[in-house]
Amino acid sequence: MLLNITVIGLSASLSIITPKQGSYKDMIEIEWLVNNDNDISFEIHIYYTQLGTDRWHPLNPDPIINARKYLWNSTFVADGEYKIMVEGVGNNTIIHNLP
């Protein structure tokens, strides 16, 4: 499996550190950074979509709490170009890495 990853529009509140744009296969480490001045505890949800489609697929079945990394087993995803979205939800606030 070979995936071309595009990281798009990073916001000031949440950014993806890895992966960088490029081609990856098999296990892909996704790491993010939340800039949080209000001490909000965020549940993290990660999604991916193939370029040219509007459907986002969840990567993690349960929210991620108190972690900054997720290991994505991409071996079951078809070759192609994809976008990744990391979303944080907490205290009536939603942040993500999309513009």
PDB file of N, CA and C in Angstrom:
ATOM      1  N   MET A   1       0.831  -1.178   0.000  1.00  0.00           N
ATOM      2  CA  MET A   1       0.000   0.000   0.000  1.00  0.00           C
ATOM      3  C   MET A   1       0.877   1.242   0.000  1.00  0.00           C
ATOM      4  N   LEU A   2       0.567   2.179  -0.846  1.00  0.00           N
ATOM      5  CA  LEU A   2       1.284   3.451  -0.890  1.00  0.00           C
ATOM      6  C   LEU A   2       0.258   4.562  -0.833  1.00  0.00           C
ATOM      7  N   LEU A   3       0.353   5.405   0.181  1.00  0.00           N
ATOM      8  CA  LEU A   3      -0.588   6.504   0.361  1.00  0.00           C
ATOM      9  C   LEU A   3       0.159   7.818   0.223  1.00  0.00           C
ATOM     10  N   ASN A   4      -0.394   8.755  -0.509  1.00  0.00           N
ATOM     11  CA  ASN A   4       0.142  10.107  -0.577  1.00  0.00           C
ATOM     12  C   ASN A   4      -0.673  10.965   0.377  1.00  0.00           C
ATOM     13  N   ILE A   5      -0.047  11.477   1.429  1.00  0.00           N
ATOM     14  CA  ILE A   5      -0.728  12.237   2.470  1.00  0.00           C
ATOM     15  C   ILE A   5      -0.563  13.728   2.211  1.00  0.00           C
ATOM     16  N   THR A   6      -1.671  14.477   2.294  1.00  0.00           N
ATOM     17  CA  THR A   6      -1.634  15.927   2.218  1.00  0.00           C
ATOM     18  C   THR A   6      -2.133  16.483   3.539  1.00  0.00           C
ATOM     19  N   VAL A   7      -1.333  17.288   4.191  1.00  0.00           N
ATOM     20  CA  VAL A   7      -1.740  17.970   5.414  1.00  0.00           C
ATOM     21  C   VAL A   7      -2.163  19.364   5.000  1.00  0.00           C
ATOM     22  N   ILE A   8      -3.430  19.743   5.324  1.00  0.00           N
ATOM     23  CA  ILE A   8      -3.951  21.011   4.827  1.00  0.00           C
ATOM     24  C   ILE A   8      -4.206  21.987   5.960  1.00  0.00           C
ATOM     25  N   GLY A   9      -4.171  23.246   5.648  1.00  0.00           N
ATOM     26  CA  GLY A   9      -4.513  24.377   6.487  1.00  0.00           C
ATOM     27  C   GLY A   9      -4.432  24.193   7.976  1.00  0.00           C
ATOM     28  N   LEU A  10      -3.310  24.399   8.570  1.00  0.00           N
ATOM     29  CA  LEU A  10      -3.167  24.217  10.000  1.00  0.00           C
ATOM     30  C   LEU A  10      -3.679  25.436  10.752  1.00  0.00           C
ATOM     31  N   SER A  11      -4.531  25.191  11.755  1.00  0.00           N
ATOM     32  CA  SER A  11      -5.068  26.300  12.543  1.00  0.00           C
ATOM     33  C   SER A  11      -4.111  26.640  13.679  1.00  0.00           C
ATOM     34  N   ALA A  12      -4.365  27.753  14.335  1.00  0.00           N
ATOM     35  CA  ALA A  12      -3.518  28.173  15.452  1.00  0.00           C
ATOM     36  C   ALA A  12      -3.742  27.317  16.680  1.00  0.00           C
ATOM     37  N   SER A  13      -4.875  26.630  16.782  1.00  0.00           N
ATOM     38  CA  SER A  13      -5.218  25.886  17.985  1.00  0.00           C
ATOM     39  C   SER A  13      -4.837  24.417  17.938  1.00  0.00           C
ATOM     40  N   LEU A  14      -4.795  23.833  16.765  1.00  0.00           N
ATOM     41  CA  LEU A  14      -4.447  22.424  16.647  1.00  0.00           C
ATOM     42  C   LEU A  14      -3.660  22.236  15.362  1.00  0.00           C
ATOM     43  N   SER A  15      -2.530  21.584  15.445  1.00  0.00           N
ATOM     44  CA  SER A  15      -1.731  21.347  14.246  1.00  0.00           C
ATOM     45  C   SER A  15      -1.225  19.915  14.224  1.00  0.00           C
ATOM     46  N   ILE A  16      -1.068  19.392  13.034  1.00  0.00           N
ATOM     47  CA  ILE A  16      -0.506  18.063  12.845  1.00  0.00           C
ATOM     48  C   ILE A  16       1.004  18.213  12.710  1.00  0.00           C
ATOM     49  N   ILE A  17       1.743  17.483  13.530  1.00  0.00           N
ATOM     50  CA  ILE A  17       3.201  17.501  13.484  1.00  0.00           C
ATOM     51  C   ILE A  17       3.701  16.450  12.495  1.00  0.00           C
ATOM     52  N   THR A  18       3.175  15.251  12.593  1.00  0.00           N
ATOM     53  CA  THR A  18       3.474  14.179  11.635  1.00  0.00           C
ATOM     54  C   THR A  18       2.177  13.472  11.300  1.00  0.00           C
ATOM     55  N   PRO A  19       2.016  12.971  10.095  1.00  0.00           N
ATOM     56  CA  PRO A  19       3.023  12.909   9.041  1.00  0.00           C
ATOM     57  C   PRO A  19       3.110  14.235   8.293  1.00  0.00           C
ATOM     58  N   LYS A  20       4.234  14.464   7.683  1.00  0.00           N
ATOM     59  CA  LYS A  20       4.384  15.585   6.762  1.00  0.00           C
ATOM     60  C   LYS A  20       3.822  15.144   5.421  1.00  0.00           C
ATOM     61  N   GLN A  21       3.638  16.084   4.508  1.00  0.00           N
ATOM     62  CA  GLN A  21       3.170  15.702   3.179  1.00  0.00           C
ATOM     63  C   GLN A  21       4.178  14.759   2.555  1.00  0.00           C
ATOM     64  N   GLY A  22       3.668  13.749   1.859  1.00  0.00           N
ATOM     65  CA  GLY A  22       4.548  12.787   1.214  1.00  0.00           C
ATOM     66  C   GLY A  22       3.872  11.451   1.068  1.00  0.00           C
ATOM     67  N   SER A  23       4.642  10.460   0.681  1.00  0.00           N
ATOM     68  CA  SER A  23       4.124   9.113   0.461  1.00  0.00           C
ATOM     69  C   SER A  23       4.482   8.222   1.641  1.00  0.00           C
ATOM     70  N   TYR A  24       3.505   7.452   2.092  1.00  0.00           N
ATOM     71  CA  TYR A  24       3.674   6.567   3.236  1.00  0.00           C
ATOM     72  C   TYR A  24       3.000   5.241   2.936  1.00  0.00           C
ATOM     73  N   LYS A  25       3.378   4.215   3.697  1.00  0.00           N
ATOM     74  CA  LYS A  25       2.672   2.945   3.595  1.00  0.00           C
ATOM     75  C   LYS A  25       2.721   2.228   4.936  1.00  0.00           C
ATOM     76  N   ASP A  26       1.839   1.268   5.085  1.00  0.00           N
ATOM     77  CA  ASP A  26       1.744   0.438   6.283  1.00  0.00           C
ATOM     78  C   ASP A  26       1.375   1.261   7.515  1.00  0.00           C
ATOM     79  N   MET A  27       2.260   1.330   8.511  1.00  0.00           N
ATOM     80  CA  MET A  27       1.965   2.022   9.759  1.00  0.00           C
ATOM     81  C   MET A  27       2.385   3.487   9.648  1.00  0.00           C
ATOM     82  N   ILE A  28       1.439   4.393   9.901  1.00  0.00           N
ATOM     83  CA  ILE A  28       1.697   5.828   9.799  1.00  0.00           C
ATOM     84  C   ILE A  28       1.443   6.455  11.170  1.00  0.00           C
ATOM     85  N   GLU A  29       2.472   7.118  11.713  1.00  0.00           N
ATOM     86  CA  GLU A  29       2.305   7.792  12.996  1.00  0.00           C
ATOM     87  C   GLU A  29       1.709   9.178  12.770  1.00  0.00           C
ATOM     88  N   ILE A  30       0.598   9.439  13.443  1.00  0.00           N
ATOM     89  CA  ILE A  30      -0.036  10.755  13.402  1.00  0.00           C
ATOM     90  C   ILE A  30       0.209  11.397  14.765  1.00  0.00           C
ATOM     91  N   GLU A  31       0.846  12.559  14.749  1.00  0.00           N
ATOM     92  CA  GLU A  31       1.127  13.285  15.986  1.00  0.00           C
ATOM     93  C   GLU A  31       0.593  14.705  15.840  1.00  0.00           C
ATOM     94  N   TRP A  32      -0.002  15.234  16.890  1.00  0.00           N
ATOM     95  CA  TRP A  32      -0.611  16.556  16.837  1.00  0.00           C
ATOM     96  C   TRP A  32      -0.208  17.369  18.059  1.00  0.00           C
ATOM     97  N   LEU A  33      -0.432  18.670  17.948  1.00  0.00           N
ATOM     98  CA  LEU A  33      -0.154  19.590  19.042  1.00  0.00           C
ATOM     99  C   LEU A  33      -1.365  20.494  19.215  1.00  0.00           C
ATOM    100  N   VAL A  34      -1.869  20.567  20.437  1.00  0.00           N
ATOM    101  CA  VAL A  34      -2.981  21.459  20.763  1.00  0.00           C
ATOM    102  C   VAL A  34      -2.418  22.661  21.509  1.00  0.00           C
ATOM    103  N   ASN A  35      -2.632  23.858  20.967  1.00  0.00           N
ATOM    104  CA  ASN A  35      -2.279  25.106  21.655  1.00  0.00           C
ATOM    105  C   ASN A  35      -3.501  25.522  22.453  1.00  0.00           C
ATOM    106  N   ASN A  36      -3.424  25.373  23.759  1.00  0.00           N
ATOM    107  CA  ASN A  36      -4.602  25.492  24.596  1.00  0.00           C
ATOM    108  C   ASN A  36      -4.318  26.417  25.774  1.00  0.00           C
ATOM    109  N   ASP A  37      -4.734  27.665  25.670  1.00  0.00           N
ATOM    110  CA  ASP A  37      -4.522  28.634  26.750  1.00  0.00           C
ATOM    111  C   ASP A  37      -5.611  28.576  27.819  1.00  0.00           C
ATOM    112  N   ASN A  38      -6.695  27.848  27.562  1.00  0.00           N
ATOM    113  CA  ASN A  38      -7.844  27.850  28.474  1.00  0.00           C
ATOM    114  C   ASN A  38      -7.961  26.581  29.304  1.00  0.00           C
ATOM    115  N   ASP A  39      -6.942  25.732  29.298  1.00  0.00           N
ATOM    116  CA  ASP A  39      -6.942  24.478  30.062  1.00  0.00           C
ATOM    117  C   ASP A  39      -8.160  23.608  29.773  1.00  0.00           C
ATOM    118  N   ILE A  40      -8.600  23.589  28.523  1.00  0.00           N
ATOM    119  CA  ILE A  40      -9.708  22.728  28.125  1.00  0.00           C
ATOM    120  C   ILE A  40      -9.154  21.337  27.851  1.00  0.00           C
ATOM    121  N   SER A  41      -9.822  20.327  28.369  1.00  0.00           N
ATOM    122  CA  SER A  41      -9.445  18.946  28.097  1.00  0.00           C
ATOM    123  C   SER A  41     -10.181  18.485  26.841  1.00  0.00           C
ATOM    124  N   PHE A  42      -9.424  18.148  25.803  1.00  0.00           N
ATOM    125  CA  PHE A  42     -10.028  17.769  24.530  1.00  0.00           C
ATOM    126  C   PHE A  42     -10.002  16.262  24.322  1.00  0.00           C
ATOM    127  N   GLU A  43     -11.110  15.731  23.790  1.00  0.00           N
ATOM    128  CA  GLU A  43     -11.138  14.372  23.260  1.00  0.00           C
ATOM    129  C   GLU A  43     -10.754  14.480  21.794  1.00  0.00           C
ATOM    130  N   ILE A  44      -9.808  13.665  21.358  1.00  0.00           N
ATOM    131  CA  ILE A  44      -9.295  13.748  20.001  1.00  0.00           C
ATOM    132  C   ILE A  44      -9.934  12.678  19.124  1.00  0.00           C
ATOM    133  N   HIS A  45     -10.384  13.114  17.954  1.00  0.00           N
ATOM    134  CA  HIS A  45     -10.930  12.225  16.930  1.00  0.00           C
ATOM    135  C   HIS A  45     -10.117  12.453  15.661  1.00  0.00           C
ATOM    136  N   ILE A  46      -9.784  11.375  14.960  1.00  0.00           N
ATOM    137  CA  ILE A  46      -8.977  11.485  13.744  1.00  0.00           C
ATOM    138  C   ILE A  46      -9.767  10.892  12.584  1.00  0.00           C
ATOM    139  N   TYR A  47      -9.753  11.603  11.460  1.00  0.00           N
ATOM    140  CA  TYR A  47     -10.492  11.189  10.269  1.00  0.00           C
ATOM    141  C   TYR A  47      -9.577  11.265   9.049  1.00  0.00           C
ATOM    142  N   TYR A  48      -9.937  10.512   8.013  1.00  0.00           N
ATOM    143  CA  TYR A  48      -9.237  10.629   6.734  1.00  0.00           C
ATOM    144  C   TYR A  48     -10.257  10.625   5.607  1.00  0.00           C
ATOM    145  N   THR A  49      -9.883  11.233   4.490  1.00  0.00           N
ATOM    146  CA  THR A  49     -10.719  11.231   3.299  1.00  0.00           C
ATOM    147  C   THR A  49      -9.816  11.132   2.084  1.00  0.00           C
ATOM    148  N   GLN A  50     -10.299  10.465   1.064  1.00  0.00           N
ATOM    149  CA  GLN A  50      -9.546  10.408  -0.187  1.00  0.00           C
ATOM    150  C   GLN A  50      -9.812  11.697  -0.959  1.00  0.00           C
ATOM    151  N   LEU A  51      -8.760  12.269  -1.557  1.00  0.00           N
ATOM    152  CA  LEU A  51      -8.932  13.494  -2.339  1.00  0.00           C
ATOM    153  C   LEU A  51      -9.991  13.278  -3.407  1.00  0.00           C
ATOM    154  N   GLY A  52     -10.838  14.277  -3.602  1.00  0.00           N
ATOM    155  CA  GLY A  52     -11.900  14.188  -4.593  1.00  0.00           C
ATOM    156  C   GLY A  52     -13.208  13.656  -4.041  1.00  0.00           C
ATOM    157  N   THR A  53     -13.228  13.280  -2.756  1.00  0.00           N
ATOM    158  CA  THR A  53     -14.462  12.815  -2.130  1.00  0.00           C
ATOM    159  C   THR A  53     -14.787  13.730  -0.950  1.00  0.00           C
ATOM    160  N   ASP A  54     -16.020  13.651  -0.479  1.00  0.00           N
ATOM    161  CA  ASP A  54     -16.460  14.476   0.649  1.00  0.00           C
ATOM    162  C   ASP A  54     -16.689  13.661   1.912  1.00  0.00           C
ATOM    163  N   ARG A  55     -16.423  12.370   1.866  1.00  0.00           N
ATOM    164  CA  ARG A  55     -16.734  11.503   3.001  1.00  0.00           C
ATOM    165  C   ARG A  55     -15.502  11.314   3.883  1.00  0.00           C
ATOM    166  N   TRP A  56     -15.640  11.690   5.151  1.00  0.00           N
ATOM    167  CA  TRP A  56     -14.571  11.513   6.129  1.00  0.00           C
ATOM    168  C   TRP A  56     -14.804  10.215   6.891  1.00  0.00           C
ATOM    169  N   HIS A  57     -13.753   9.414   7.040  1.00  0.00           N
ATOM    170  CA  HIS A  57     -13.823   8.130   7.740  1.00  0.00           C
ATOM    171  C   HIS A  57     -13.073   8.243   9.068  1.00  0.00           C
ATOM    172  N   PRO A  58     -13.688   7.792  10.161  1.00  0.00           N
ATOM    173  CA  PRO A  58     -12.989   7.856  11.450  1.00  0.00           C
ATOM    174  C   PRO A  58     -11.856   6.826  11.508  1.00  0.00           C
ATOM    175  N   LEU A  59     -10.736   7.221  12.099  1.00  0.00           N
ATOM    176  CA  LEU A  59      -9.622   6.291  12.297  1.00  0.00           C
ATOM    177  C   LEU A  59      -9.667   5.654  13.674  1.00  0.00           C
ATOM    178  N   ASN A  60     -10.024   6.422  14.686  1.00  0.00           N
ATOM    179  CA  ASN A  60     -10.028   5.892  16.047  1.00  0.00           C
ATOM    180  C   ASN A  60     -11.469   5.651  16.496  1.00  0.00           C
ATOM    181  N   PRO A  61     -11.775   4.409  16.906  1.00  0.00           N
ATOM    182  CA  PRO A  61     -13.151   4.096  17.313  1.00  0.00           C
ATOM    183  C   PRO A  61     -13.569   4.798  18.603  1.00  0.00           C
ATOM    184  N   ASP A  62     -12.627   5.059  19.484  1.00  0.00           N
ATOM    185  CA  ASP A  62     -12.904   5.742  20.746  1.00  0.00           C
ATOM    186  C   ASP A  62     -12.087   7.027  20.801  1.00  0.00           C
ATOM    187  N   PRO A  63     -12.599   8.059  21.470  1.00  0.00           N
ATOM    188  CA  PRO A  63     -11.833   9.306  21.590  1.00  0.00           C
ATOM    189  C   PRO A  63     -10.476   9.059  22.252  1.00  0.00           C
ATOM    190  N   ILE A  64      -9.482   9.810  21.820  1.00  0.00           N
ATOM    191  CA  ILE A  64      -8.151   9.741  22.413  1.00  0.00           C
ATOM    192  C   ILE A  64      -8.070  10.839  23.467  1.00  0.00           C
ATOM    193  N   ILE A  65      -7.676  10.457  24.675  1.00  0.00           N
ATOM    194  CA  ILE A  65      -7.565  11.406  25.779  1.00  0.00           C
ATOM    195  C   ILE A  65      -6.157  11.286  26.359  1.00  0.00           C
ATOM    196  N   ASN A  66      -5.538  12.412  26.638  1.00  0.00           N
ATOM    197  CA  ASN A  66      -4.203  12.446  27.254  1.00  0.00           C
ATOM    198  C   ASN A  66      -3.132  11.760  26.415  1.00  0.00           C
ATOM    199  N   ALA A  67      -3.230  11.877  25.121  1.00  0.00           N
ATOM    200  CA  ALA A  67      -2.188  11.358  24.226  1.00  0.00           C
ATOM    201  C   ALA A  67      -2.036  12.337  23.075  1.00  0.00           C
ATOM    202  N   ARG A  68      -0.883  12.303  22.443  1.00  0.00           N
ATOM    203  CA  ARG A  68      -0.617  13.204  21.316  1.00  0.00           C
ATOM    204  C   ARG A  68      -0.243  12.453  20.054  1.00  0.00           C
ATOM    205  N   LYS A  69      -0.371  11.122  20.091  1.00  0.00           N
ATOM    206  CA  LYS A  69       0.018  10.321  18.932  1.00  0.00           C
ATOM    207  C   LYS A  69      -0.999   9.214  18.700  1.00  0.00           C
ATOM    208  N   TYR A  70      -1.096   8.813  17.439  1.00  0.00           N
ATOM    209  CA  TYR A  70      -1.937   7.682  17.059  1.00  0.00           C
ATOM    210  C   TYR A  70      -1.211   6.946  15.942  1.00  0.00           C
ATOM    211  N   LEU A  71      -1.207   5.627  15.990  1.00  0.00           N
ATOM    212  CA  LEU A  71      -0.564   4.830  14.960  1.00  0.00           C
ATOM    213  C   LEU A  71      -1.638   4.251  14.048  1.00  0.00           C
ATOM    214  N   TRP A  72      -1.623   4.672  12.785  1.00  0.00           N
ATOM    215  CA  TRP A  72      -2.631   4.282  11.800  1.00  0.00           C
ATOM    216  C   TRP A  72      -2.106   3.115  10.979  1.00  0.00           C
ATOM    217  N   ASN A  73      -2.805   1.995  11.031  1.00  0.00           N
ATOM    218  CA  ASN A  73      -2.481   0.847  10.188  1.00  0.00           C
ATOM    219  C   ASN A  73      -3.192   1.053   8.857  1.00  0.00           C
ATOM    220  N   SER A  74      -2.473   1.566   7.880  1.00  0.00           N
ATOM    221  CA  SER A  74      -3.078   1.926   6.594  1.00  0.00           C
ATOM    222  C   SER A  74      -3.041   0.798   5.571  1.00  0.00           C
ATOM    223  N   THR A  75      -2.664  -0.399   5.990  1.00  0.00           N
ATOM    224  CA  THR A  75      -2.531  -1.503   5.029  1.00  0.00           C
ATOM    225  C   THR A  75      -3.862  -1.894   4.393  1.00  0.00           C
ATOM    226  N   PHE A  76      -4.975  -1.534   5.012  1.00  0.00           N
ATOM    227  CA  PHE A  76      -6.285  -1.902   4.469  1.00  0.00           C
ATOM    228  C   PHE A  76      -6.935  -0.768   3.673  1.00  0.00           C
ATOM    229  N   VAL A  77      -6.184   0.299   3.431  1.00  0.00           N
ATOM    230  CA  VAL A  77      -6.686   1.445   2.680  1.00  0.00           C
ATOM    231  C   VAL A  77      -6.102   1.382   1.272  1.00  0.00           C
ATOM    232  N   ALA A  78      -6.951   1.621   0.272  1.00  0.00           N
ATOM    233  CA  ALA A  78      -6.503   1.566  -1.121  1.00  0.00           C
ATOM    234  C   ALA A  78      -5.450   2.638  -1.399  1.00  0.00           C
ATOM    235  N   ASP A  79      -4.545   2.341  -2.321  1.00  0.00           N
ATOM    236  CA  ASP A  79      -3.563   3.342  -2.752  1.00  0.00           C
ATOM    237  C   ASP A  79      -4.292   4.598  -3.215  1.00  0.00           C
ATOM    238  N   GLY A  80      -3.714   5.746  -2.985  1.00  0.00           N
ATOM    239  CA  GLY A  80      -4.324   6.993  -3.424  1.00  0.00           C
ATOM    240  C   GLY A  80      -3.802   8.169  -2.638  1.00  0.00           C
ATOM    241  N   GLU A  81      -4.433   9.318  -2.847  1.00  0.00           N
ATOM    242  CA  GLU A  81      -4.067  10.544  -2.135  1.00  0.00           C
ATOM    243  C   GLU A  81      -5.144  10.849  -1.101  1.00  0.00           C
ATOM    244  N   TYR A  82      -4.710  11.161   0.121  1.00  0.00           N
ATOM    245  CA  TYR A  82      -5.618  11.328   1.247  1.00  0.00           C
ATOM    246  C   TYR A  82      -5.314  12.593   2.027  1.00  0.00           C
ATOM    247  N   LYS A  83      -6.328  13.093   2.736  1.00  0.00           N
ATOM    248  CA  LYS A  83      -6.179  14.175   3.703  1.00  0.00           C
ATOM    249  C   LYS A  83      -6.486  13.600   5.083  1.00  0.00           C
ATOM    250  N   ILE A  84      -5.840  14.153   6.096  1.00  0.00           N
ATOM    251  CA  ILE A  84      -6.072  13.754   7.482  1.00  0.00           C
ATOM    252  C   ILE A  84      -6.614  14.962   8.238  1.00  0.00           C
ATOM    253  N   MET A  85      -7.631  14.712   9.080  1.00  0.00           N
ATOM    254  CA  MET A  85      -8.154  15.757   9.958  1.00  0.00           C
ATOM    255  C   MET A  85      -8.064  15.261  11.397  1.00  0.00           C
ATOM    256  N   VAL A  86      -7.471  16.065  12.261  1.00  0.00           N
ATOM    257  CA  VAL A  86      -7.464  15.801  13.696  1.00  0.00           C
ATOM    258  C   VAL A  86      -8.388  16.833  14.326  1.00  0.00           C
ATOM    259  N   GLU A  87      -9.340  16.343  15.117  1.00  0.00           N
ATOM    260  CA  GLU A  87     -10.359  17.207  15.716  1.00  0.00           C
ATOM    261  C   GLU A  87     -10.337  17.033  17.228  1.00  0.00           C
ATOM    262  N   GLY A  88     -10.388  18.146  17.947  1.00  0.00           N
ATOM    263  CA  GLY A  88     -10.484  18.110  19.399  1.00  0.00           C
ATOM    264  C   GLY A  88     -11.838  18.640  19.837  1.00  0.00           C
ATOM    265  N   VAL A  89     -12.501  17.905  20.742  1.00  0.00           N
ATOM    266  CA  VAL A  89     -13.823  18.292  21.233  1.00  0.00           C
ATOM    267  C   VAL A  89     -13.761  18.367  22.755  1.00  0.00           C
ATOM    268  N   GLY A  90     -14.181  19.508  23.302  1.00  0.00           N
ATOM    269  CA  GLY A  90     -14.199  19.634  24.753  1.00  0.00           C
ATOM    270  C   GLY A  90     -14.803  20.944  25.203  1.00  0.00           C
ATOM    271  N   ASN A  91     -15.564  20.904  26.285  1.00  0.00           N
ATOM    272  CA  ASN A  91     -16.128  22.106  26.915  1.00  0.00           C
ATOM    273  C   ASN A  91     -16.838  23.002  25.898  1.00  0.00           C
ATOM    274  N   ASN A  92     -17.720  22.402  25.090  1.00  0.00           N
ATOM    275  CA  ASN A  92     -18.477  23.117  24.057  1.00  0.00           C
ATOM    276  C   ASN A  92     -17.579  23.806  23.031  1.00  0.00           C
ATOM    277  N   THR A  93     -16.388  23.264  22.825  1.00  0.00           N
ATOM    278  CA  THR A  93     -15.429  23.810  21.876  1.00  0.00           C
ATOM    279  C   THR A  93     -14.969  22.710  20.938  1.00  0.00           C
ATOM    280  N   ILE A  94     -14.883  23.041  19.651  1.00  0.00           N
ATOM    281  CA  ILE A  94     -14.348  22.108  18.658  1.00  0.00           C
ATOM    282  C   ILE A  94     -13.204  22.806  17.940  1.00  0.00           C
ATOM    283  N   ILE A  95     -12.050  22.146  17.901  1.00  0.00           N
ATOM    284  CA  ILE A  95     -10.908  22.662  17.152  1.00  0.00           C
ATOM    285  C   ILE A  95     -10.432  21.576  16.196  1.00  0.00           C
ATOM    286  N   HIS A  96      -9.840  21.972  15.086  1.00  0.00           N
ATOM    287  CA  HIS A  96      -9.279  20.997  14.148  1.00  0.00           C
ATOM    288  C   HIS A  96      -8.219  21.673  13.307  1.00  0.00           C
ATOM    289  N   ASN A  97      -7.532  20.859  12.515  1.00  0.00           N
ATOM    290  CA  ASN A  97      -6.429  21.379  11.717  1.00  0.00           C
ATOM    291  C   ASN A  97      -6.858  21.900  10.353  1.00  0.00           C
ATOM    292  N   LEU A  98      -8.139  21.903  10.042  1.00  0.00           N
ATOM    293  CA  LEU A  98      -8.598  22.382   8.741  1.00  0.00           C
ATOM    294  C   LEU A  98      -8.863  23.878   8.793  1.00  0.00           C
ATOM    295  N   PRO A  99      -8.701  24.566   7.646  1.00  0.00           N
ATOM    296  CA  PRO A  99      -8.941  26.020   7.643  1.00  0.00           C
ATOM    297  C   PRO A  99     -10.406  26.355   7.836  1.00  0.00           C
TER     298      PRO A  99
END
